[in-house]
Amino acid sequence: MGVIIFYVLIMLLMLASMWKIYTKAGKPGWAILVPIYNIIVLLEIAGKPWWWLFLFMIPVVNFVCMIIVYVELAKSFGKGTGFAMGLLFLNVIFFPILAFGDATYVGPGGKAAE
């Protein structure tokens, strides 16, 4: 029973983190609750075209695309590639840092910062 409670708490933390990330980027937070649409919105935040959604359906390609999207997501909030690797491998720690920390959205792929 304790494992189930821990799992639910982790899922709620990730849900709240993604909701906050979406709202920081000027997107509706509820979009995280809608399957497929949440990926399209994440692609918009990262500055990638919507048709990349189809690449997420191809085995192995989806992993490579997710790395690219996480790198661009980190850049969109003024963070570097190291932070993106944290998003990929330690997402339970790095997504809340991105959501509730002082990071601000600077544009798709960090374009406004250039």
C-alpha atoms as a PDB file:
ATOM      1  CA  MET A   1       0.000   0.000   0.000  1.00  0.00           C
ATOM      2  CA  GLY A   2       2.870   2.375   0.759  1.00  0.00           C
ATOM      3  CA  VAL A   3       4.323   1.837  -2.714  1.00  0.00           C
ATOM      4  CA  ILE A   4       1.017   2.795  -4.313  1.00  0.00           C
ATOM      5  CA  ILE A   5       0.789   5.977  -2.242  1.00  0.00           C
ATOM      6  CA  PHE A   6       4.390   6.869  -3.121  1.00  0.00           C
ATOM      7  CA  TYR A   7       3.681   6.267  -6.829  1.00  0.00           C
ATOM      8  CA  VAL A   8       0.543   8.438  -6.721  1.00  0.00           C
ATOM      9  CA  LEU A   9       2.468  11.236  -4.988  1.00  0.00           C
ATOM     10  CA  ILE A  10       5.206  11.103  -7.646  1.00  0.00           C
ATOM     11  CA  MET A  11       2.585  11.199 -10.412  1.00  0.00           C
ATOM     12  CA  LEU A  12       0.870  14.205  -8.797  1.00  0.00           C
ATOM     13  CA  LEU A  13       4.225  15.981  -8.488  1.00  0.00           C
ATOM     14  CA  MET A  14       4.959  15.375 -12.187  1.00  0.00           C
ATOM     15  CA  LEU A  15       1.459  16.473 -13.176  1.00  0.00           C
ATOM     16  CA  ALA A  16       1.764  19.693 -11.164  1.00  0.00           C
ATOM     17  CA  SER A  17       5.249  20.302 -12.580  1.00  0.00           C
ATOM     18  CA  MET A  18       4.174  19.885 -16.190  1.00  0.00           C
ATOM     19  CA  TRP A  19       1.077  22.031 -15.573  1.00  0.00           C
ATOM     20  CA  LYS A  20       3.296  24.823 -14.216  1.00  0.00           C
ATOM     21  CA  ILE A  21       5.789  24.474 -17.101  1.00  0.00           C
ATOM     22  CA  TYR A  22       2.961  24.792 -19.616  1.00  0.00           C
ATOM     23  CA  THR A  23       1.565  27.884 -17.895  1.00  0.00           C
ATOM     24  CA  LYS A  24       5.030  29.469 -17.671  1.00  0.00           C
ATOM     25  CA  ALA A  25       5.261  29.042 -21.435  1.00  0.00           C
ATOM     26  CA  GLY A  26       1.892  30.735 -21.960  1.00  0.00           C
ATOM     27  CA  LYS A  27       0.053  27.530 -22.819  1.00  0.00           C
ATOM     28  CA  PRO A  28      -3.016  26.183 -21.024  1.00  0.00           C
ATOM     29  CA  GLY A  29      -2.065  23.993 -18.072  1.00  0.00           C
ATOM     30  CA  TRP A  30      -5.008  21.662 -18.635  1.00  0.00           C
ATOM     31  CA  ALA A  31      -3.380  20.593 -21.919  1.00  0.00           C
ATOM     32  CA  ILE A  32      -1.200  18.186 -19.943  1.00  0.00           C
ATOM     33  CA  LEU A  33      -4.329  16.162 -19.168  1.00  0.00           C
ATOM     34  CA  VAL A  34      -5.290  15.566 -22.814  1.00  0.00           C
ATOM     35  CA  PRO A  35      -3.485  12.647 -24.469  1.00  0.00           C
ATOM     36  CA  ILE A  36      -1.634  13.444 -27.714  1.00  0.00           C
ATOM     37  CA  TYR A  37      -2.523  17.144 -27.430  1.00  0.00           C
ATOM     38  CA  ASN A  38      -0.091  17.427 -24.514  1.00  0.00           C
ATOM     39  CA  ILE A  39       2.741  16.265 -26.779  1.00  0.00           C
ATOM     40  CA  ILE A  40       1.726  18.751 -29.476  1.00  0.00           C
ATOM     41  CA  VAL A  41       1.812  21.575 -26.913  1.00  0.00           C
ATOM     42  CA  LEU A  42       5.196  20.367 -25.620  1.00  0.00           C
ATOM     43  CA  LEU A  43       6.492  20.427 -29.191  1.00  0.00           C
ATOM     44  CA  GLU A  44       5.212  24.011 -29.569  1.00  0.00           C
ATOM     45  CA  ILE A  45       6.995  25.063 -26.383  1.00  0.00           C
ATOM     46  CA  ALA A  46      10.209  23.429 -27.613  1.00  0.00           C
ATOM     47  CA  GLY A  47       9.856  25.025 -31.047  1.00  0.00           C
ATOM     48  CA  LYS A  48       9.385  21.813 -33.002  1.00  0.00           C
ATOM     49  CA  PRO A  49       6.730  21.226 -35.689  1.00  0.00           C
ATOM     50  CA  TRP A  50       3.550  19.336 -34.781  1.00  0.00           C
ATOM     51  CA  TRP A  51       4.288  16.500 -37.205  1.00  0.00           C
ATOM     52  CA  TRP A  52       7.106  15.357 -34.907  1.00  0.00           C
ATOM     53  CA  LEU A  53       4.249  13.661 -33.063  1.00  0.00           C
ATOM     54  CA  PHE A  54       4.469  10.917 -35.686  1.00  0.00           C
ATOM     55  CA  LEU A  55       8.167  10.440 -34.987  1.00  0.00           C
ATOM     56  CA  PHE A  56       7.268   9.571 -31.392  1.00  0.00           C
ATOM     57  CA  MET A  57       5.444   6.511 -32.720  1.00  0.00           C
ATOM     58  CA  ILE A  58       8.574   4.980 -34.274  1.00  0.00           C
ATOM     59  CA  PRO A  59      10.673   2.800 -31.952  1.00  0.00           C
ATOM     60  CA  VAL A  60      14.210   4.105 -31.252  1.00  0.00           C
ATOM     61  CA  VAL A  61      13.428   7.300 -33.211  1.00  0.00           C
ATOM     62  CA  ASN A  62      11.090   8.324 -30.386  1.00  0.00           C
ATOM     63  CA  PHE A  63      13.956   8.168 -27.877  1.00  0.00           C
ATOM     64  CA  VAL A  64      16.188  10.337 -30.071  1.00  0.00           C
ATOM     65  CA  CYS A  65      13.349  12.821 -30.638  1.00  0.00           C
ATOM     66  CA  MET A  66      12.651  13.003 -26.913  1.00  0.00           C
ATOM     67  CA  ILE A  67      16.293  13.878 -26.248  1.00  0.00           C
ATOM     68  CA  ILE A  68      16.088  16.658 -28.847  1.00  0.00           C
ATOM     69  CA  VAL A  69      12.791  17.946 -27.435  1.00  0.00           C
ATOM     70  CA  TYR A  70      14.184  17.974 -23.878  1.00  0.00           C
ATOM     71  CA  VAL A  71      17.287  19.878 -25.037  1.00  0.00           C
ATOM     72  CA  GLU A  72      15.071  22.431 -26.782  1.00  0.00           C
ATOM     73  CA  LEU A  73      12.748  22.585 -23.767  1.00  0.00           C
ATOM     74  CA  ALA A  74      15.712  23.361 -21.527  1.00  0.00           C
ATOM     75  CA  LYS A  75      16.891  26.048 -23.972  1.00  0.00           C
ATOM     76  CA  SER A  76      13.369  27.485 -24.045  1.00  0.00           C
ATOM     77  CA  PHE A  77      13.726  28.167 -20.335  1.00  0.00           C
ATOM     78  CA  GLY A  78      17.292  29.447 -20.553  1.00  0.00           C
ATOM     79  CA  LYS A  79      18.950  26.229 -19.399  1.00  0.00           C
ATOM     80  CA  GLY A  80      21.718  24.216 -21.047  1.00  0.00           C
ATOM     81  CA  THR A  81      22.225  20.718 -22.381  1.00  0.00           C
ATOM     82  CA  GLY A  82      23.309  19.405 -18.983  1.00  0.00           C
ATOM     83  CA  PHE A  83      19.962  20.440 -17.532  1.00  0.00           C
ATOM     84  CA  ALA A  84      18.264  18.694 -20.467  1.00  0.00           C
ATOM     85  CA  MET A  85      20.060  15.464 -19.584  1.00  0.00           C
ATOM     86  CA  GLY A  86      18.753  15.916 -16.046  1.00  0.00           C
ATOM     87  CA  LEU A  87      15.249  16.246 -17.490  1.00  0.00           C
ATOM     88  CA  LEU A  88      15.796  12.999 -19.372  1.00  0.00           C
ATOM     89  CA  PHE A  89      17.404  10.837 -16.688  1.00  0.00           C
ATOM     90  CA  LEU A  90      16.272  12.418 -13.393  1.00  0.00           C
ATOM     91  CA  ASN A  91      12.955  13.863 -14.475  1.00  0.00           C
ATOM     92  CA  VAL A  92      11.353  13.534 -11.025  1.00  0.00           C
ATOM     93  CA  ILE A  93      13.937  16.048  -9.763  1.00  0.00           C
ATOM     94  CA  PHE A  94      14.528  18.309 -12.761  1.00  0.00           C
ATOM     95  CA  PHE A  95      10.942  18.891 -13.936  1.00  0.00           C
ATOM     96  CA  PRO A  96       9.931  20.349 -10.530  1.00  0.00           C
ATOM     97  CA  ILE A  97      13.102  22.467 -10.554  1.00  0.00           C
ATOM     98  CA  LEU A  98      12.133  23.825 -13.977  1.00  0.00           C
ATOM     99  CA  ALA A  99       8.513  24.339 -12.948  1.00  0.00           C
ATOM    100  CA  PHE A 100       8.864  25.831  -9.494  1.00  0.00           C
ATOM    101  CA  GLY A 101      12.307  27.401  -9.792  1.00  0.00           C
ATOM    102  CA  ASP A 102      13.217  30.821 -11.130  1.00  0.00           C
ATOM    103  CA  ALA A 103      13.482  29.716 -14.779  1.00  0.00           C
ATOM    104  CA  THR A 104      11.441  31.859 -17.157  1.00  0.00           C
ATOM    105  CA  TYR A 105      10.272  31.030 -20.650  1.00  0.00           C
ATOM    106  CA  VAL A 106      12.398  32.852 -23.204  1.00  0.00           C
ATOM    107  CA  GLY A 107      10.836  31.464 -26.373  1.00  0.00           C
ATOM    108  CA  PRO A 108      10.850  28.281 -28.425  1.00  0.00           C
ATOM    109  CA  GLY A 109      14.323  26.801 -28.308  1.00  0.00           C
ATOM    110  CA  GLY A 110      15.631  29.881 -26.483  1.00  0.00           C
ATOM    111  CA  LYS A 111      15.289  32.094 -29.579  1.00  0.00           C
ATOM    112  CA  ALA A 112      14.387  35.213 -27.603  1.00  0.00           C
ATOM    113  CA  ALA A 113      17.644  34.928 -25.656  1.00  0.00           C
ATOM    114  CA  GLU A 114      19.782  35.141 -28.801  1.00  0.00           C
END
